[in-house]
C-alpha atoms as a PDB file:
ATOM      1  CA  MET A   1     107.167 133.650 123.054  1.00  0.00           C
ATOM      2  CA  ALA A   2     105.502 130.972 121.133  1.00  0.00           C
ATOM      3  CA  VAL A   3     104.480 131.585 117.613  1.00  0.00           C
ATOM      4  CA  PRO A   4     101.836 129.299 115.963  1.00  0.00           C
ATOM      5  CA  LYS A   5     103.373 127.532 112.767  1.00  0.00           C
ATOM      6  CA  LYS A   6     101.781 128.156 109.543  1.00  0.00           C
ATOM      7  CA  ARG A   7      99.410 125.614 108.306  1.00  0.00           C
ATOM      8  CA  THR A   8     100.714 122.667 106.033  1.00  0.00           C
ATOM      9  CA  SER A   9      98.579 122.663 102.700  1.00  0.00           C
ATOM     10  CA  ILE A  10      96.398 119.644 102.008  1.00  0.00           C
ATOM     11  CA  LEU A  11      98.375 118.704  98.903  1.00  0.00           C
ATOM     12  CA  LYS A  12     101.699 118.258 101.038  1.00  0.00           C
ATOM     13  CA  LYS A  13      99.518 116.455 103.819  1.00  0.00           C
ATOM     14  CA  ARG A  14      98.486 114.030 101.183  1.00  0.00           C
ATOM     15  CA  ILE A  15     101.835 113.527  99.628  1.00  0.00           C
ATOM     16  CA  ARG A  16     103.285 112.666 103.019  1.00  0.00           C
ATOM     17  CA  LYS A  17     100.520 110.165 103.905  1.00  0.00           C
ATOM     18  CA  LYS A  18     100.677 108.258 100.683  1.00  0.00           C
ATOM     19  CA  ILE A  19     104.527 108.040 101.022  1.00  0.00           C
ATOM     20  CA  TRP A  20     103.998 106.552 104.749  1.00  0.00           C
ATOM     21  CA  LYS A  21     101.286 104.124 103.475  1.00  0.00           C
ATOM     22  CA  LYS A  22     103.597 103.171 100.567  1.00  0.00           C
ATOM     23  CA  GLY A  23     106.196 102.132 103.060  1.00  0.00           C
ATOM     24  CA  GLY A  24     103.920  99.883 104.857  1.00  0.00           C
ATOM     25  CA  TYR A  25     102.915  98.234 101.491  1.00  0.00           C
ATOM     26  CA  TRP A  26     106.321  97.531 100.487  1.00  0.00           C
ATOM     27  CA  ALA A  27     107.039  95.915 104.184  1.00  0.00           C
ATOM     28  CA  ALA A  28     103.963  93.871 103.882  1.00  0.00           C
ATOM     29  CA  LEU A  29     104.818  92.748 100.462  1.00  0.00           C
ATOM     30  CA  LYS A  30     108.447  91.475 101.518  1.00  0.00           C
ATOM     31  CA  ALA A  31     107.086  89.607 104.496  1.00  0.00           C
ATOM     32  CA  PHE A  32     104.749  87.870 102.484  1.00  0.00           C
ATOM     33  CA  SER A  33     107.466  87.024  99.864  1.00  0.00           C
ATOM     34  CA  LEU A  34     109.672  85.576 102.684  1.00  0.00           C
ATOM     35  CA  ALA A  35     107.005  83.782 104.234  1.00  0.00           C
ATOM     36  CA  LYS A  36     106.071  82.022 100.585  1.00  0.00           C
ATOM     37  CA  SER A  37     109.694  81.266 100.194  1.00  0.00           C
ATOM     38  CA  LEU A  38     109.868  79.687 103.638  1.00  0.00           C
ATOM     39  CA  SER A  39     106.798  77.664 103.213  1.00  0.00           C
ATOM     40  CA  THR A  40     107.907  76.059  99.638  1.00  0.00           C
ATOM     41  CA  GLY A  41     111.407  75.726 100.881  1.00  0.00           C
ATOM     42  CA  ASN A  42     113.054  77.923  98.096  1.00  0.00           C
ATOM     43  CA  SER A  43     114.535  80.421 100.702  1.00  0.00           C
ATOM     44  CA  LYS A  44     118.301  81.121  99.748  1.00  0.00           C
ATOM     45  CA  SER A  45     118.758  84.007 102.324  1.00  0.00           C
ATOM     46  CA  PHE A  46     116.916  83.043 105.560  1.00  0.00           C
ATOM     47  CA  PHE A  47     118.040  80.206 107.371  1.00  0.00           C
ATOM     48  CA  TYR A  48     115.749  78.399 110.280  1.00  0.00           C
ATOM     49  CA  VAL A  49     115.289  75.140 112.082  1.00  0.00           C
ATOM     50  CA  TYR A  50     112.013  73.400 111.570  1.00  0.00           C
ATOM     51  CA  VAL A  51     110.864  71.670 114.455  1.00  0.00           C
ATOM     52  CA  LYS A  52     107.804  69.534 114.679  1.00  0.00           C
END
């Protein structure tokens, strides 16, 4: 027989949400940094072929 689970507290919910959002922030920051280094030509870890 199915038993309903206990409700998660608002505090835990907010903490999890904040961690999840912070992950997206760091991913965006890393992508922006890579794009910036590619546009200036200072990239040392990412190789690409530029085609006009």
